[in-house]
Protein backbone atom coordinates (compact mmCIF):
# COMPACT_ATOMS: atom_id res chain seq x y z
CA MET A 1 -23.56 -67.78 121.37
CA SER A 2 -20.15 -68.96 122.73
CA VAL A 3 -17.09 -67.73 121.39
CA ASN A 4 -15.84 -71.10 120.35
CA LEU A 5 -18.66 -71.67 118.04
CA LYS A 6 -18.13 -68.02 116.52
CA HIS A 7 -14.49 -68.71 116.03
CA GLU A 8 -15.52 -72.01 114.17
CA LYS A 9 -17.75 -70.15 112.15
CA ARG A 10 -15.23 -67.64 110.87
CA LEU A 11 -13.00 -70.31 110.14
CA ALA A 12 -15.22 -72.46 107.69
CA VAL A 13 -16.11 -69.27 106.08
CA VAL A 14 -12.11 -68.59 105.25
CA PHE A 15 -11.82 -72.22 104.27
CA PHE A 16 -15.06 -71.84 101.89
CA LEU A 17 -13.72 -68.67 100.66
CA ILE A 18 -10.08 -70.18 99.85
CA ILE A 19 -12.02 -73.35 98.13
CA GLY A 20 -14.12 -70.87 96.22
CA LEU A 21 -11.08 -69.10 94.96
CA MET A 22 -8.99 -72.27 93.96
CA PHE A 23 -12.08 -73.34 91.76
CA ALA A 24 -12.47 -69.91 90.47
CA SER A 25 -8.75 -70.10 89.38
CA ILE A 26 -8.89 -73.17 87.94
CA ALA A 27 -11.86 -72.21 85.74
CA VAL A 28 -10.34 -69.19 84.76
CA ARG A 29 -6.91 -70.91 83.76
CA THR A 30 -9.25 -74.02 82.07
CA VAL A 31 -11.14 -71.34 79.94
CA THR A 32 -7.74 -68.92 79.37
CA ARG A 33 -5.99 -72.39 78.49
CA GLN A 34 -8.55 -74.37 75.90
CA VAL A 35 -10.14 -71.13 74.30
CA LEU A 36 -7.27 -67.80 74.61
CA ILE A 37 -4.32 -70.19 74.08
CA LYS A 38 -5.08 -73.60 72.39
CA ARG A 39 -7.78 -72.02 70.10
CA MET A 40 -7.04 -68.42 69.57
CA GLY A 41 -3.22 -69.09 69.69
CA LEU A 42 -2.65 -66.24 71.72
CA ASP A 43 0.30 -65.37 73.90
CA ASN A 44 0.40 -62.07 75.62
CA VAL A 45 0.56 -60.46 78.60
CA PHE A 46 -2.72 -61.27 79.90
CA THR A 47 -2.43 -65.23 79.27
CA ARG A 48 0.80 -65.15 80.98
CA ALA A 49 -0.45 -63.42 84.03
CA VAL A 50 -3.05 -65.94 84.37
CA PHE A 51 -0.56 -68.72 84.13
CA PHE A 52 1.99 -66.95 86.30
CA ASP A 53 3.76 -69.76 87.87
CA GLN A 54 4.10 -71.98 84.54
CA TYR A 55 7.33 -72.48 82.98
CA ASP A 56 6.34 -72.70 79.17
CA LEU A 57 2.56 -73.21 78.58
CA LYS A 58 3.51 -74.86 75.53
CA ASP A 59 5.04 -77.62 77.02
CA THR A 60 1.84 -78.45 79.29
CA LYS A 61 -0.08 -81.57 78.28
CA GLU A 62 -3.14 -83.00 78.45
CA ALA A 63 -3.70 -86.19 80.10
CA GLU A 64 -3.86 -88.39 76.75
CA ASN A 65 -0.51 -86.86 75.47
CA GLU A 66 1.38 -87.85 78.52
CA GLU A 67 2.36 -91.69 78.14
CA ASP A 68 6.16 -92.28 77.93
CA THR A 69 5.26 -95.00 76.32
CA PRO A 70 4.87 -95.48 72.24
CA LYS A 71 1.32 -96.39 71.39
CA VAL A 72 0.32 -100.05 70.48
CA SER A 73 -1.23 -100.88 67.28
CA ASN A 74 -4.18 -103.43 67.69
CA ILE A 75 -2.38 -106.48 65.47
CA LYS A 76 -4.25 -109.49 66.03
CA TRP A 77 -1.53 -111.68 67.84
CA TYR A 78 -3.90 -114.73 68.26
CA GLU A 79 -4.43 -115.07 64.45
CA LEU A 80 -0.91 -114.91 63.97
CA TYR A 81 0.13 -117.66 66.86
CA PRO A 82 -3.55 -119.26 67.75
CA PHE A 83 -4.92 -120.79 70.71
CA PRO A 84 -5.80 -124.35 70.96
CA ALA A 85 -9.51 -124.56 69.43
CA GLY A 86 -12.25 -123.52 72.18
CA THR A 87 -9.84 -121.11 73.69
CA SER A 88 -12.01 -118.06 74.17
CA LEU A 89 -10.50 -114.77 71.88
CA PRO A 90 -9.95 -111.23 73.46
CA GLU A 91 -13.30 -109.81 74.82
CA GLY A 92 -14.21 -106.39 74.01
CA GLY A 93 -14.57 -106.30 70.19
CA ALA A 94 -11.01 -107.05 69.94
CA GLU A 95 -11.75 -110.25 67.50
CA GLU A 96 -13.38 -108.12 65.02
CA GLY A 97 -10.75 -105.42 64.99
CA LYS A 98 -14.00 -103.01 65.88
CA GLU A 99 -14.03 -100.67 69.38
CA THR A 100 -17.00 -101.36 71.19
CA LEU A 101 -19.58 -98.28 72.49
CA TYR A 102 -18.10 -99.19 76.27
CA ASP A 103 -14.64 -99.13 74.76
CA LYS A 104 -14.91 -95.66 73.50
CA LEU A 105 -16.93 -94.29 76.52
CA SER A 106 -14.14 -95.83 79.03
CA LYS A 107 -11.51 -94.26 76.73
CA SER A 108 -12.96 -90.95 76.85
CA ALA A 109 -13.85 -91.21 80.53
CA LYS A 110 -10.06 -91.76 81.06
CA ILE A 111 -9.31 -88.85 78.97
CA ILE A 112 -11.66 -86.63 81.01
CA LYS A 113 -10.59 -87.79 84.11
CA GLY A 114 -7.01 -87.38 83.90
CA ASN A 115 -7.58 -83.62 82.22
CA THR A 116 -9.55 -82.69 85.12
CA GLU A 117 -6.79 -83.97 87.19
CA VAL A 118 -4.20 -81.95 85.31
CA TYR A 119 -6.23 -78.95 85.73
CA CYS A 120 -7.45 -79.30 89.66
CA THR A 121 -3.47 -79.71 90.26
CA ASP A 122 -0.70 -78.55 87.97
CA PHE A 123 -3.02 -75.95 86.91
CA LEU A 124 -3.99 -75.01 90.39
CA PRO A 125 -1.82 -71.33 91.37
CA GLY A 126 0.97 -71.95 93.86
CA TYR A 127 0.53 -76.04 93.44
CA SER A 128 4.26 -76.75 93.40
CA SER A 129 4.23 -74.89 96.81
CA LEU A 130 1.63 -76.46 98.14
CA VAL A 131 2.81 -79.53 97.61
CA SER A 132 6.18 -78.62 99.02
CA ALA A 133 4.64 -77.76 102.34
CA ALA A 134 2.54 -80.81 102.31
CA LYS A 135 5.71 -82.71 101.85
CA TYR A 136 7.38 -80.76 104.71
CA TYR A 137 4.44 -81.03 107.03
CA GLU A 138 4.43 -85.14 106.45
CA GLN A 139 8.28 -84.92 106.85
CA THR A 140 7.88 -83.18 110.14
CA VAL A 141 4.59 -85.62 111.46
CA GLY A 142 6.51 -89.02 110.62
CA TRP A 143 3.57 -89.39 108.20
CA ASN A 144 4.55 -92.29 105.57
CA TYR A 145 1.41 -94.18 105.32
CA VAL A 146 -0.22 -95.87 102.07
CA ASP A 147 -3.32 -97.97 102.24
CA TYR A 148 -2.78 -101.27 99.94
CA THR A 149 -6.25 -100.33 98.20
CA GLU A 150 -4.55 -96.92 96.57
CA TYR A 151 -3.83 -97.02 93.41
CA ASN A 152 0.13 -96.68 92.42
CA GLY A 153 0.41 -95.15 96.29
CA VAL A 154 3.64 -93.85 96.98
CA ILE A 155 5.67 -94.03 99.90
CA THR A 156 9.05 -92.17 100.71
CA LEU A 157 12.32 -94.68 102.24
CA SER A 158 14.35 -93.36 104.48
CA ASP A 159 16.80 -91.61 102.17
CA GLY A 160 14.12 -90.05 100.33
CA TYR A 161 13.72 -92.45 97.63
CA LEU A 162 10.01 -92.87 96.57
CA SER A 163 8.29 -96.48 96.31
CA GLY A 164 5.41 -98.35 97.37
CA ALA A 165 4.14 -101.18 99.39
CA LYS A 166 2.29 -104.59 98.97
CA GLU A 167 0.40 -106.75 101.15
CA LYS A 168 0.87 -110.41 101.58
CA ILE A 169 -0.70 -112.60 99.00
CA ASP A 170 -0.76 -116.26 98.24
CA VAL A 171 1.67 -116.56 94.84
CA THR A 172 0.33 -120.43 94.32
CA VAL A 173 -1.57 -119.64 91.05
CA SER A 174 1.31 -117.93 89.40
CA ALA A 175 4.08 -120.72 90.71
CA GLU A 176 1.94 -123.57 89.01
CA ALA A 177 1.46 -121.19 86.11
CA ALA A 178 5.17 -121.06 85.76
CA GLU A 179 5.96 -124.58 86.61
CA GLN A 180 3.68 -125.60 83.74
CA LEU A 181 5.41 -123.52 81.29
CA SER A 182 8.62 -124.76 82.73
CA ASP A 183 7.51 -128.52 81.80
CA PHE A 184 6.53 -127.21 78.84
CA CYS A 185 9.67 -126.22 77.20
CA THR A 186 11.22 -129.20 78.96
CA GLU A 187 9.15 -131.62 77.58
CA ARG A 188 10.36 -129.79 73.91
CA GLY A 189 14.09 -129.60 75.27
CA ILE A 190 14.38 -125.74 75.80
CA GLU A 191 16.05 -124.69 78.63
CA PHE A 192 13.80 -122.94 81.08
CA LEU A 193 15.04 -120.00 83.88
CA TYR A 194 12.82 -117.84 86.03
CA VAL A 195 15.08 -114.62 87.07
CA GLN A 196 13.63 -112.66 89.72
CA TYR A 197 14.00 -108.89 89.40
CA PRO A 198 14.53 -107.15 92.62
CA HIS A 199 11.90 -104.40 93.66
CA LYS A 200 12.96 -101.08 95.22
CA ASN A 201 12.29 -102.24 98.80
CA CYS A 202 15.27 -103.58 99.85
CA VAL A 203 15.02 -106.57 102.58
CA TYR A 204 18.51 -105.75 103.45
CA GLN A 205 18.14 -101.60 103.68
CA ASP A 206 14.52 -101.21 104.38
CA ALA A 207 14.13 -104.00 107.43
CA ASP A 208 11.56 -100.80 109.13
CA ILE A 209 8.98 -101.63 106.39
CA CYS A 210 10.00 -105.62 104.89
CA GLY A 211 7.78 -107.63 106.12
CA ILE A 212 5.74 -105.55 108.66
CA ARG A 213 4.61 -102.77 106.43
CA ASP A 214 5.54 -104.23 102.81
CA PHE A 215 5.51 -107.58 101.99
CA TYR A 216 6.70 -107.70 98.21
CA ASN A 217 9.84 -109.41 98.65
CA GLN A 218 8.07 -111.84 101.07
CA ASN A 219 5.79 -112.40 97.72
CA ALA A 220 8.93 -113.23 96.32
CA ASP A 221 10.32 -115.46 98.69
CA ASP A 222 7.42 -117.77 98.76
CA PHE A 223 7.56 -117.90 94.87
CA LEU A 224 10.92 -118.77 94.44
CA SER A 225 10.65 -121.23 97.34
CA MET A 226 7.85 -123.07 95.18
CA LEU A 227 9.38 -123.07 91.99
CA GLN A 228 12.96 -124.47 93.81
CA GLU A 229 10.47 -127.60 95.55
CA LYS A 230 10.06 -128.46 91.86
CA ASN A 231 13.93 -127.89 90.52
CA ILE A 232 12.94 -125.24 88.77
CA PRO A 233 16.08 -123.21 87.83
CA THR A 234 16.10 -119.53 89.18
CA LEU A 235 18.33 -116.93 89.69
CA ASP A 236 17.35 -114.42 92.20
CA LEU A 237 19.32 -110.93 91.54
CA ARG A 238 17.92 -109.34 94.76
CA HIS A 239 20.44 -110.83 96.36
CA THR A 240 23.17 -110.73 93.88
CA LEU A 241 22.79 -106.65 93.65
CA HIS A 242 23.59 -106.85 97.50
CA ASP A 243 26.64 -109.80 97.57
CA GLU A 244 28.25 -107.33 95.14
CA GLY A 245 27.72 -104.52 97.67
CA LEU A 246 25.84 -102.44 95.45
CA ASP A 247 23.32 -99.77 96.90
CA HIS A 248 20.17 -101.29 96.51
CA HIS A 249 18.06 -97.98 96.07
CA ALA A 250 20.94 -96.59 93.87
CA ALA A 251 20.27 -99.07 91.39
CA PHE A 252 16.48 -97.36 90.89
CA PHE A 253 15.32 -94.20 89.84
CA ARG A 254 14.43 -91.97 92.81
CA THR A 255 11.07 -90.85 91.21
CA ASP A 256 10.19 -94.15 89.83
CA HIS A 257 9.33 -98.25 90.41
CA HIS A 258 11.95 -98.96 87.65
CA TRP A 259 16.03 -99.79 87.85
CA LYS A 260 18.07 -97.64 86.05
CA PRO A 261 19.23 -98.38 82.19
CA GLU A 262 23.11 -98.69 84.08
CA THR A 263 21.35 -101.14 86.10
CA GLY A 264 19.84 -103.19 83.35
CA LEU A 265 23.35 -103.66 82.08
CA TRP A 266 24.61 -104.97 84.87
CA ALA A 267 21.58 -107.60 85.14
CA ALA A 268 21.94 -108.36 81.23
CA GLN A 269 25.43 -109.24 82.26
CA LYS A 270 24.55 -111.74 85.30
CA MET A 271 22.13 -113.13 83.76
CA LEU A 272 24.70 -113.78 80.93
CA GLU A 273 27.17 -115.54 83.52
CA TYR A 274 24.20 -117.77 85.12
CA MET A 275 23.31 -118.97 81.98
CA ASN A 276 26.95 -119.89 80.95
CA ASP A 277 27.30 -121.79 84.46
CA LEU A 278 23.90 -123.27 84.78
CA LEU A 279 23.01 -124.33 80.96
CA GLY A 280 26.49 -124.38 79.83
CA CYS A 281 26.39 -121.71 77.17
CA ASP A 282 29.01 -119.67 76.14
CA PHE A 283 27.76 -116.26 75.94
CA ASP A 284 30.39 -113.59 75.81
CA SER A 285 29.61 -112.00 78.98
CA LYS A 286 32.54 -109.93 79.35
CA LYS A 287 31.76 -107.76 76.63
CA LEU A 288 28.92 -106.17 78.89
CA ASN A 289 31.67 -105.10 81.02
CA LYS A 290 31.04 -101.41 82.23
CA GLU A 291 34.34 -99.93 80.76
CA ASN A 292 32.98 -101.04 77.24
CA PHE A 293 30.50 -98.60 77.08
CA GLU A 294 29.65 -95.05 76.67
CA PHE A 295 27.31 -93.08 79.25
CA VAL A 296 25.53 -90.33 78.11
CA LEU A 297 24.07 -87.82 80.69
CA TYR A 298 20.30 -86.41 80.50
CA PRO A 299 19.87 -84.30 83.75
CA LYS A 300 17.19 -84.00 85.52
CA CYS A 301 15.34 -84.97 82.47
CA PHE A 302 12.98 -87.63 83.49
CA LEU A 303 10.01 -87.81 86.40
CA GLY A 304 9.24 -91.30 86.98
CA SER A 305 5.25 -92.95 87.58
CA GLN A 306 5.68 -92.05 91.45
CA GLY A 307 7.32 -88.87 91.18
CA LYS A 308 4.30 -87.81 88.88
CA LYS A 309 2.03 -89.20 91.90
CA LYS A 310 3.67 -86.91 93.97
CA LYS A 311 3.90 -83.88 91.39
CA LEU A 312 7.49 -83.35 92.39
CA PRO A 313 8.81 -79.97 90.63
CA GLU A 314 11.32 -79.83 88.14
CA TRP A 315 14.73 -79.57 90.31
CA GLU A 316 13.42 -83.30 91.70
CA TYR A 317 13.46 -84.74 88.29
CA ASP A 318 15.67 -87.79 87.86
CA ASP A 319 19.40 -88.03 85.50
CA LEU A 320 18.90 -90.82 82.75
CA TYR A 321 21.96 -92.07 81.08
CA MET A 322 21.75 -93.55 77.57
CA VAL A 323 24.21 -96.23 77.02
CA TYR A 324 25.59 -97.17 74.06
CA PRO A 325 28.45 -99.71 73.44
CA ARG A 326 32.09 -98.36 72.35
CA PHE A 327 32.58 -101.23 70.09
CA ASP A 328 31.00 -101.98 66.58
CA THR A 329 27.63 -103.57 66.15
CA ASP A 330 25.61 -104.76 63.52
CA PHE A 331 21.93 -105.63 64.65
CA SER A 332 18.17 -106.04 62.89
CA TYR A 333 15.43 -105.02 64.91
CA SER A 334 11.82 -105.33 64.57
CA VAL A 335 9.05 -103.85 67.05
CA PRO A 336 5.82 -105.10 65.00
CA SER A 337 3.57 -103.00 66.98
CA CYS A 338 5.36 -99.74 65.84
CA GLY A 339 6.16 -100.52 62.42
CA VAL A 340 9.64 -100.72 63.25
CA ASP A 341 11.83 -102.74 60.93
CA LEU A 342 15.63 -101.49 61.32
CA ALA A 343 18.98 -102.43 60.29
CA GLY A 344 22.02 -100.75 61.73
CA ASN A 345 23.88 -100.53 64.96
CA PHE A 346 23.04 -100.80 68.88
CA SER A 347 21.08 -97.22 68.90
CA ILE A 348 18.39 -98.48 66.58
CA MET A 349 17.00 -100.19 69.72
CA TYR A 350 16.24 -96.37 71.29
CA ASP A 351 13.36 -94.69 70.49
CA ASP A 352 15.05 -91.68 69.65
CA GLU A 353 11.77 -89.45 69.54
CA ARG A 354 11.71 -89.15 73.80
CA ILE A 355 14.46 -89.37 76.32
CA ALA A 356 12.33 -91.29 79.56
CA TYR A 357 13.23 -95.03 80.69
CA HIS A 358 10.86 -96.20 77.65
CA THR A 359 13.04 -94.80 75.40
CA TYR A 360 15.00 -98.53 75.53
CA ASN A 361 13.27 -101.25 73.74
CA TYR A 362 10.70 -98.87 72.36
CA GLY A 363 8.93 -99.40 75.97
CA ASP A 364 6.52 -101.81 76.79
CA GLN A 365 5.76 -103.48 73.39
CA PRO A 366 3.76 -107.19 72.43
CA LEU A 367 7.18 -108.29 70.56
CA ASN A 368 10.59 -107.12 70.10
CA VAL A 369 12.98 -109.16 67.75
CA ILE A 370 16.79 -108.50 68.21
CA GLN A 371 19.17 -109.76 65.54
CA ASN A 372 22.84 -109.85 65.97
CA ASN A 373 24.13 -110.22 62.69
CA GLY A 374 27.66 -110.34 64.34
CA ILE A 375 27.40 -113.37 66.43
CA GLN A 376 27.58 -116.96 63.82
CA LYS A 377 26.43 -119.40 67.00
CA GLU A 378 22.57 -119.87 66.61
CA THR A 379 21.11 -119.58 69.73
CA LYS A 380 18.09 -118.07 69.86
CA LEU A 381 16.45 -116.90 73.35
CA LEU A 382 12.79 -115.81 74.50
CA ILE A 383 12.34 -113.57 77.61
CA VAL A 384 8.86 -113.50 78.63
CA HIS A 385 8.76 -110.06 80.73
CA ASP A 386 7.37 -107.22 82.24
CA SER A 387 8.60 -103.63 81.85
CA PHE A 388 12.15 -103.96 83.80
CA THR A 389 13.30 -105.87 80.91
CA ASP A 390 13.22 -102.76 78.35
CA VAL A 391 16.75 -102.16 79.87
CA VAL A 392 18.03 -105.52 79.46
CA ALA A 393 17.06 -106.61 76.67
CA PRO A 394 19.05 -104.55 74.40
CA PHE A 395 22.51 -105.54 76.13
CA LEU A 396 21.62 -109.17 76.21
CA GLY A 397 21.58 -108.92 72.31
CA LEU A 398 25.09 -108.03 72.56
CA SER A 399 25.69 -111.43 73.29
CA ILE A 400 23.44 -113.71 71.65
CA GLN A 401 22.18 -113.94 68.12
CA GLU A 402 18.62 -113.45 68.53
CA VAL A 403 16.60 -112.15 71.72
CA ASP A 404 13.13 -112.24 71.06
CA ALA A 405 11.11 -110.54 74.03
CA ILE A 406 7.49 -110.98 74.80
CA ASP A 407 5.14 -108.52 76.95
CA LEU A 408 1.86 -110.63 78.15
CA ARG A 409 -0.02 -107.44 79.08
CA HIS A 410 0.03 -106.39 75.21
CA PHE A 411 0.96 -109.99 73.53
CA ASN A 412 -2.48 -111.53 72.82
CA GLY A 413 -1.79 -114.45 71.41
CA SER A 414 -0.51 -117.80 72.31
CA LEU A 415 2.62 -118.02 73.89
CA LYS A 416 2.64 -121.72 73.60
CA SER A 417 2.34 -121.12 69.76
CA TYR A 418 4.62 -118.70 69.25
CA ILE A 419 7.25 -121.13 71.07
CA GLU A 420 6.12 -123.88 68.85
CA ALA A 421 6.42 -121.88 65.61
CA GLU A 422 9.42 -120.03 66.60
CA LYS A 423 11.30 -122.64 68.24
CA PRO A 424 13.83 -120.74 70.98
CA ASP A 425 16.54 -122.62 72.45
CA ILE A 426 16.15 -121.04 76.12
CA VAL A 427 13.19 -119.48 77.47
CA VAL A 428 13.62 -116.81 80.69
CA LEU A 429 10.67 -115.82 82.68
CA ALA A 430 11.88 -112.23 84.57
CA TYR A 431 9.55 -110.52 86.45
CA ASN A 432 9.95 -107.81 89.33
CA PRO A 433 7.96 -108.96 92.43
CA SER A 434 5.16 -106.45 92.17
CA VAL A 435 3.82 -108.56 89.45
CA LEU A 436 3.18 -111.80 91.40
CA THR A 437 -0.63 -112.60 91.57
CA ASP A 438 -3.27 -114.64 93.72
CA LYS A 439 -5.22 -114.80 90.82
CA ILE A 440 -4.86 -115.03 87.13
CA ASP A 441 -8.19 -113.65 84.68
CA LEU A 442 -7.75 -115.73 81.68
CA THR A 443 -10.49 -114.06 79.58
CA ASN A 444 -8.79 -110.88 77.91
CA HIS A 445 -5.15 -112.62 77.21
CA ASP A 446 -2.99 -109.51 78.66
CA ASN A 447 -2.27 -111.19 82.42
CA LEU A 448 1.49 -111.67 82.80
CA PHE A 449 0.87 -115.42 84.35
CA ASP A 450 -1.40 -116.62 80.91
CA PHE A 451 1.04 -118.60 79.64
CA ARG A 452 -1.26 -120.63 77.67
């Protein structure tokens, strides 16, 4: 037997031993946590020895409890705002309000998969050190590749911000759907505006990947061009951000794909200014000047979705600001899916049970209704949006009497029926480039471009 073969066998044995120790440690930690800690309530020398590298066992969450967004109840929006006759209702038993066996099995499988990932990563002894070593290795060899097919794949930008990449797609169906919605509004005397939110990848700062490895911005350019060819009003906040000399990456969380709340305040002001100029509105945009707000800092409290994917340690979490107006406010605010129906100052639009991105406007909800009781002029704005608007809608409400916000991923009723019934004066469609699509699934009414 050659010397090289002997070394290979010994190396293989070493690797098998390491893998075996990892599996054994995971098994011991699983039993310790599920039986000794959770069922028996033990917290002693043995349990702490098993979890020697965990900061606080009581704060460790399994997958089913990791959501930042409040749970959304099963309101039958399609009964309140019905589709035209002959339109299929949401599948999966939703029309009877029942959960099918498939739904139950899918939910259970998701929880098992999530918990397995937690125990095989977070609970692996020395996992943070292993992740740090892997990051150092990737930086050393210059490895920064993500396959488009990888779900929520994460790349590291040149300044350390985490982001993703998107392949080039044909956005024609998205543009056609937006055009039909614009025509529907115009026929009813309703003003329509499309607002292009920016992606974290910047055409100016990230020229090394934009149009080469990532096509978020190119897809957005194509989409905007198609709308502009149809003379549909558009506001492109990507270039506004650059024209005002703002640091594009710093407008976003380092560990998350979302922009910061203070950027949402800036975006709301730009939208008001644009509607004043383009649509002849007289919204008080100066009310949103930065000096009119207090910014309360919560340091290192937020780990975004991309940071979770990378399993970043606590010291790499993002700071988060809670933003409050310094002037008096009087609002009525409702989130039907959460049973929220409140009256009070601006802070009622924050879910104070959590400090995270989704604290704002109670996160991703089917419908939020913001009424500013301090504004006399009756103007109703409907914003159809993705999660970026969570930190925009509350600030729009400071200068508009009523702001209705609909997220079509959760609102399974007819958008057109809602517009007919509620009669907004302005409809704003506001999306970031990641939601643009080359296909629209019309079966479950949870697609962001299902404007029926």
